[in-house]
Amino acid sequence: MDGRNEVLHAWAMTAVLWAAMVALFGKTVIPFLLIQAVYGASLLEVVNYLEHYGLGRKQLDSGRYERCQPQHSWNSNRIVANLFLYQLQRHANPTHSYQALRHFDGTPKLPSGYATMIMLAYFQPLWFRVMKIRAWSRITKAT
């Protein structure tokens, strides 16, 4: 086992936390831990979904896809949310640390902040009503 593997570190920390919680509160805490884990995974996936919904990268002649650029993700410029979410809403440049992330003109903009958009994404009819026109206009302008 490589001591530098961050994925294994995260799994080990999870196992230690769960063991500590079970030791402190008994087996009755296990359903709460499972619910929290499912909700956390769901939140991670819904955020990834809303960050990239309806946007695509062009396939190059070589068969590879173009490099990720700021126009390949939905962004939001809400100050309070950016402070609370460590600029997650400005994730257009994955090589920069969160403190250096900034707003880019010309990037796709979410119609609202992440809290609202996450709730809409969980209720697909509302999500499609809000996002379908935005995504389609972005796709047709890019081609």
C-alpha atoms as a PDB file:
ATOM      1  CA  MET A   1       0.000   0.000   0.000  1.00  0.00           C
ATOM      2  CA  ASP A   2       1.396   3.341  -1.084  1.00  0.00           C
ATOM      3  CA  GLY A   3       1.430   5.792   1.843  1.00  0.00           C
ATOM      4  CA  ARG A   4       0.876   8.711  -0.549  1.00  0.00           C
ATOM      5  CA  ASN A   5      -2.391   7.473  -2.051  1.00  0.00           C
ATOM      6  CA  GLU A   6      -4.961  10.145  -1.178  1.00  0.00           C
ATOM      7  CA  VAL A   7      -7.911   7.931  -2.092  1.00  0.00           C
ATOM      8  CA  LEU A   8      -6.794   5.285   0.382  1.00  0.00           C
ATOM      9  CA  HIS A   9      -6.231   8.001   3.002  1.00  0.00           C
ATOM     10  CA  ALA A  10      -9.804   9.199   2.542  1.00  0.00           C
ATOM     11  CA  TRP A  11     -11.189   5.654   2.864  1.00  0.00           C
ATOM     12  CA  ALA A  12      -9.058   5.061   5.957  1.00  0.00           C
ATOM     13  CA  MET A  13     -10.266   8.302   7.556  1.00  0.00           C
ATOM     14  CA  THR A  14     -13.855   7.272   6.819  1.00  0.00           C
ATOM     15  CA  ALA A  15     -13.324   3.866   8.420  1.00  0.00           C
ATOM     16  CA  VAL A  16     -11.738   5.462  11.499  1.00  0.00           C
ATOM     17  CA  LEU A  17     -14.564   8.007  11.792  1.00  0.00           C
ATOM     18  CA  TRP A  18     -17.250   5.337  11.452  1.00  0.00           C
ATOM     19  CA  ALA A  19     -15.501   3.104  13.997  1.00  0.00           C
ATOM     20  CA  ALA A  20     -15.224   6.023  16.426  1.00  0.00           C
ATOM     21  CA  MET A  21     -18.905   6.903  15.976  1.00  0.00           C
ATOM     22  CA  VAL A  22     -19.981   3.294  16.558  1.00  0.00           C
ATOM     23  CA  ALA A  23     -17.696   3.100  19.614  1.00  0.00           C
ATOM     24  CA  LEU A  24     -19.161   6.327  21.033  1.00  0.00           C
ATOM     25  CA  PHE A  25     -22.844   5.871  20.163  1.00  0.00           C
ATOM     26  CA  GLY A  26     -23.271   2.169  19.518  1.00  0.00           C
ATOM     27  CA  LYS A  27     -24.777   0.423  16.537  1.00  0.00           C
ATOM     28  CA  THR A  28     -27.785   2.752  16.537  1.00  0.00           C
ATOM     29  CA  VAL A  29     -25.657   5.361  14.742  1.00  0.00           C
ATOM     30  CA  ILE A  30     -25.096   3.131  11.672  1.00  0.00           C
ATOM     31  CA  PRO A  31     -28.357   4.078   9.873  1.00  0.00           C
ATOM     32  CA  PHE A  32     -27.507   7.763  10.319  1.00  0.00           C
ATOM     33  CA  LEU A  33     -24.005   7.202   8.940  1.00  0.00           C
ATOM     34  CA  LEU A  34     -25.434   5.347   5.944  1.00  0.00           C
ATOM     35  CA  ILE A  35     -28.017   8.067   5.255  1.00  0.00           C
ATOM     36  CA  GLN A  36     -25.295  10.710   5.481  1.00  0.00           C
ATOM     37  CA  ALA A  37     -23.068   8.731   3.094  1.00  0.00           C
ATOM     38  CA  VAL A  38     -25.855   8.283   0.530  1.00  0.00           C
ATOM     39  CA  TYR A  39     -26.812  11.956   0.753  1.00  0.00           C
ATOM     40  CA  GLY A  40     -23.161  13.025   0.408  1.00  0.00           C
ATOM     41  CA  ALA A  41     -22.668  10.858  -2.691  1.00  0.00           C
ATOM     42  CA  SER A  42     -25.948  12.132  -4.133  1.00  0.00           C
ATOM     43  CA  LEU A  43     -24.919  15.736  -3.552  1.00  0.00           C
ATOM     44  CA  LEU A  44     -21.563  15.153  -5.219  1.00  0.00           C
ATOM     45  CA  GLU A  45     -23.254  13.679  -8.289  1.00  0.00           C
ATOM     46  CA  VAL A  46     -25.960  16.333  -8.566  1.00  0.00           C
ATOM     47  CA  VAL A  47     -23.347  19.107  -8.364  1.00  0.00           C
ATOM     48  CA  ASN A  48     -21.313  17.449 -11.119  1.00  0.00           C
ATOM     49  CA  TYR A  49     -24.517  17.128 -13.165  1.00  0.00           C
ATOM     50  CA  LEU A  50     -25.473  20.787 -12.812  1.00  0.00           C
ATOM     51  CA  GLU A  51     -21.926  21.982 -13.510  1.00  0.00           C
ATOM     52  CA  HIS A  52     -21.856  20.304 -16.931  1.00  0.00           C
ATOM     53  CA  TYR A  53     -25.478  19.795 -18.020  1.00  0.00           C
ATOM     54  CA  GLY A  54     -25.961  20.222 -21.760  1.00  0.00           C
ATOM     55  CA  LEU A  55     -22.376  21.288 -22.464  1.00  0.00           C
ATOM     56  CA  GLY A  56     -19.907  19.300 -24.489  1.00  0.00           C
ATOM     57  CA  ARG A  57     -16.414  19.398 -25.892  1.00  0.00           C
ATOM     58  CA  LYS A  58     -15.746  19.023 -29.591  1.00  0.00           C
ATOM     59  CA  GLN A  59     -14.126  15.856 -30.804  1.00  0.00           C
ATOM     60  CA  LEU A  60     -10.914  16.565 -32.678  1.00  0.00           C
ATOM     61  CA  ASP A  61      -9.815  14.866 -35.902  1.00  0.00           C
ATOM     62  CA  SER A  62      -7.479  12.685 -33.817  1.00  0.00           C
ATOM     63  CA  GLY A  63     -10.496  11.243 -31.993  1.00  0.00           C
ATOM     64  CA  ARG A  64      -9.597  12.947 -28.723  1.00  0.00           C
ATOM     65  CA  TYR A  65     -11.702  15.716 -27.256  1.00  0.00           C
ATOM     66  CA  GLU A  66     -10.574  19.308 -26.942  1.00  0.00           C
ATOM     67  CA  ARG A  67      -9.057  20.385 -23.625  1.00  0.00           C
ATOM     68  CA  CYS A  68     -11.440  21.555 -20.926  1.00  0.00           C
ATOM     69  CA  GLN A  69     -11.951  25.283 -21.152  1.00  0.00           C
ATOM     70  CA  PRO A  70     -14.033  27.716 -19.079  1.00  0.00           C
ATOM     71  CA  GLN A  71     -16.935  27.444 -21.556  1.00  0.00           C
ATOM     72  CA  HIS A  72     -17.281  23.733 -20.759  1.00  0.00           C
ATOM     73  CA  SER A  73     -18.863  24.269 -17.348  1.00  0.00           C
ATOM     74  CA  TRP A  74     -21.709  26.255 -15.881  1.00  0.00           C
ATOM     75  CA  ASN A  75     -20.475  28.844 -13.445  1.00  0.00           C
ATOM     76  CA  SER A  76     -22.003  31.229 -10.965  1.00  0.00           C
ATOM     77  CA  ASN A  77     -20.721  34.506  -9.646  1.00  0.00           C
ATOM     78  CA  ARG A  78     -22.642  34.636  -6.357  1.00  0.00           C
ATOM     79  CA  ILE A  79     -20.324  36.116  -3.721  1.00  0.00           C
ATOM     80  CA  VAL A  80     -21.789  34.520  -0.579  1.00  0.00           C
ATOM     81  CA  ALA A  81     -22.049  31.071  -2.142  1.00  0.00           C
ATOM     82  CA  ASN A  82     -18.508  31.344  -3.486  1.00  0.00           C
ATOM     83  CA  LEU A  83     -17.232  32.145  -0.012  1.00  0.00           C
ATOM     84  CA  PHE A  84     -19.084  29.240   1.592  1.00  0.00           C
ATOM     85  CA  LEU A  85     -18.243  26.764  -1.180  1.00  0.00           C
ATOM     86  CA  TYR A  86     -14.581  27.753  -1.645  1.00  0.00           C
ATOM     87  CA  GLN A  87     -15.275  29.109  -5.136  1.00  0.00           C
ATOM     88  CA  LEU A  88     -16.685  25.764  -6.318  1.00  0.00           C
ATOM     89  CA  GLN A  89     -19.024  27.731  -8.555  1.00  0.00           C
ATOM     90  CA  ARG A  90     -15.986  29.097 -10.395  1.00  0.00           C
ATOM     91  CA  HIS A  91     -14.452  25.736 -11.159  1.00  0.00           C
ATOM     92  CA  ALA A  92     -13.672  26.582 -14.779  1.00  0.00           C
ATOM     93  CA  ASN A  93      -9.902  26.255 -14.306  1.00  0.00           C
ATOM     94  CA  PRO A  94      -9.084  22.982 -12.521  1.00  0.00           C
ATOM     95  CA  THR A  95      -5.338  23.682 -12.385  1.00  0.00           C
ATOM     96  CA  HIS A  96      -5.703  26.671 -10.053  1.00  0.00           C
ATOM     97  CA  SER A  97      -6.174  26.498  -6.298  1.00  0.00           C
ATOM     98  CA  TYR A  98      -9.607  27.639  -5.113  1.00  0.00           C
ATOM     99  CA  GLN A  99      -8.250  30.981  -3.891  1.00  0.00           C
ATOM    100  CA  ALA A 100      -7.078  31.832  -7.420  1.00  0.00           C
ATOM    101  CA  LEU A 101     -10.311  30.909  -9.214  1.00  0.00           C
ATOM    102  CA  ARG A 102     -11.949  33.881 -10.839  1.00  0.00           C
ATOM    103  CA  HIS A 103     -14.856  34.896 -13.003  1.00  0.00           C
ATOM    104  CA  PHE A 104     -14.541  34.480 -16.797  1.00  0.00           C
ATOM    105  CA  ASP A 105     -16.641  36.543 -19.189  1.00  0.00           C
ATOM    106  CA  GLY A 106     -18.328  34.485 -21.869  1.00  0.00           C
ATOM    107  CA  THR A 107     -18.728  31.337 -19.783  1.00  0.00           C
ATOM    108  CA  PRO A 108     -22.120  29.681 -19.324  1.00  0.00           C
ATOM    109  CA  LYS A 109     -23.865  31.157 -16.268  1.00  0.00           C
ATOM    110  CA  LEU A 110     -26.294  29.346 -14.021  1.00  0.00           C
ATOM    111  CA  PRO A 111     -29.540  31.277 -13.594  1.00  0.00           C
ATOM    112  CA  SER A 112     -29.200  31.065  -9.813  1.00  0.00           C
ATOM    113  CA  GLY A 113     -26.806  29.939  -7.095  1.00  0.00           C
ATOM    114  CA  TYR A 114     -25.902  26.354  -6.277  1.00  0.00           C
ATOM    115  CA  ALA A 115     -28.460  25.959  -3.481  1.00  0.00           C
ATOM    116  CA  THR A 116     -31.347  26.767  -5.821  1.00  0.00           C
ATOM    117  CA  MET A 117     -29.899  24.824  -8.737  1.00  0.00           C
ATOM    118  CA  ILE A 118     -29.300  21.708  -6.622  1.00  0.00           C
ATOM    119  CA  MET A 119     -32.932  21.711  -5.532  1.00  0.00           C
ATOM    120  CA  LEU A 120     -34.055  22.142  -9.157  1.00  0.00           C
ATOM    121  CA  ALA A 121     -31.784  19.285 -10.290  1.00  0.00           C
ATOM    122  CA  TYR A 122     -33.458  16.929  -7.806  1.00  0.00           C
ATOM    123  CA  PHE A 123     -36.843  17.800  -9.377  1.00  0.00           C
ATOM    124  CA  GLN A 124     -36.218  17.108 -13.053  1.00  0.00           C
ATOM    125  CA  PRO A 125     -39.343  18.740 -14.560  1.00  0.00           C
ATOM    126  CA  LEU A 126     -38.403  22.040 -12.926  1.00  0.00           C
ATOM    127  CA  TRP A 127     -34.741  21.610 -13.879  1.00  0.00           C
ATOM    128  CA  PHE A 128     -35.579  21.012 -17.543  1.00  0.00           C
ATOM    129  CA  ARG A 129     -37.969  23.947 -17.614  1.00  0.00           C
ATOM    130  CA  VAL A 130     -35.210  26.272 -16.383  1.00  0.00           C
ATOM    131  CA  MET A 131     -32.156  24.776 -18.099  1.00  0.00           C
ATOM    132  CA  LYS A 132     -33.283  23.333 -21.422  1.00  0.00           C
ATOM    133  CA  ILE A 133     -33.398  26.654 -23.247  1.00  0.00           C
ATOM    134  CA  ARG A 134     -30.086  27.793 -21.732  1.00  0.00           C
ATOM    135  CA  ALA A 135     -28.260  24.584 -22.641  1.00  0.00           C
ATOM    136  CA  TRP A 136     -29.714  24.458 -26.157  1.00  0.00           C
ATOM    137  CA  SER A 137     -28.733  28.062 -26.861  1.00  0.00           C
ATOM    138  CA  ARG A 138     -25.174  27.333 -25.648  1.00  0.00           C
ATOM    139  CA  ILE A 139     -24.911  24.257 -27.875  1.00  0.00           C
ATOM    140  CA  THR A 140     -26.242  25.960 -30.992  1.00  0.00           C
ATOM    141  CA  LYS A 141     -23.966  28.999 -30.524  1.00  0.00           C
ATOM    142  CA  ALA A 142     -20.913  26.734 -30.182  1.00  0.00           C
ATOM    143  CA  THR A 143     -21.521  24.885 -33.451  1.00  0.00           C
END
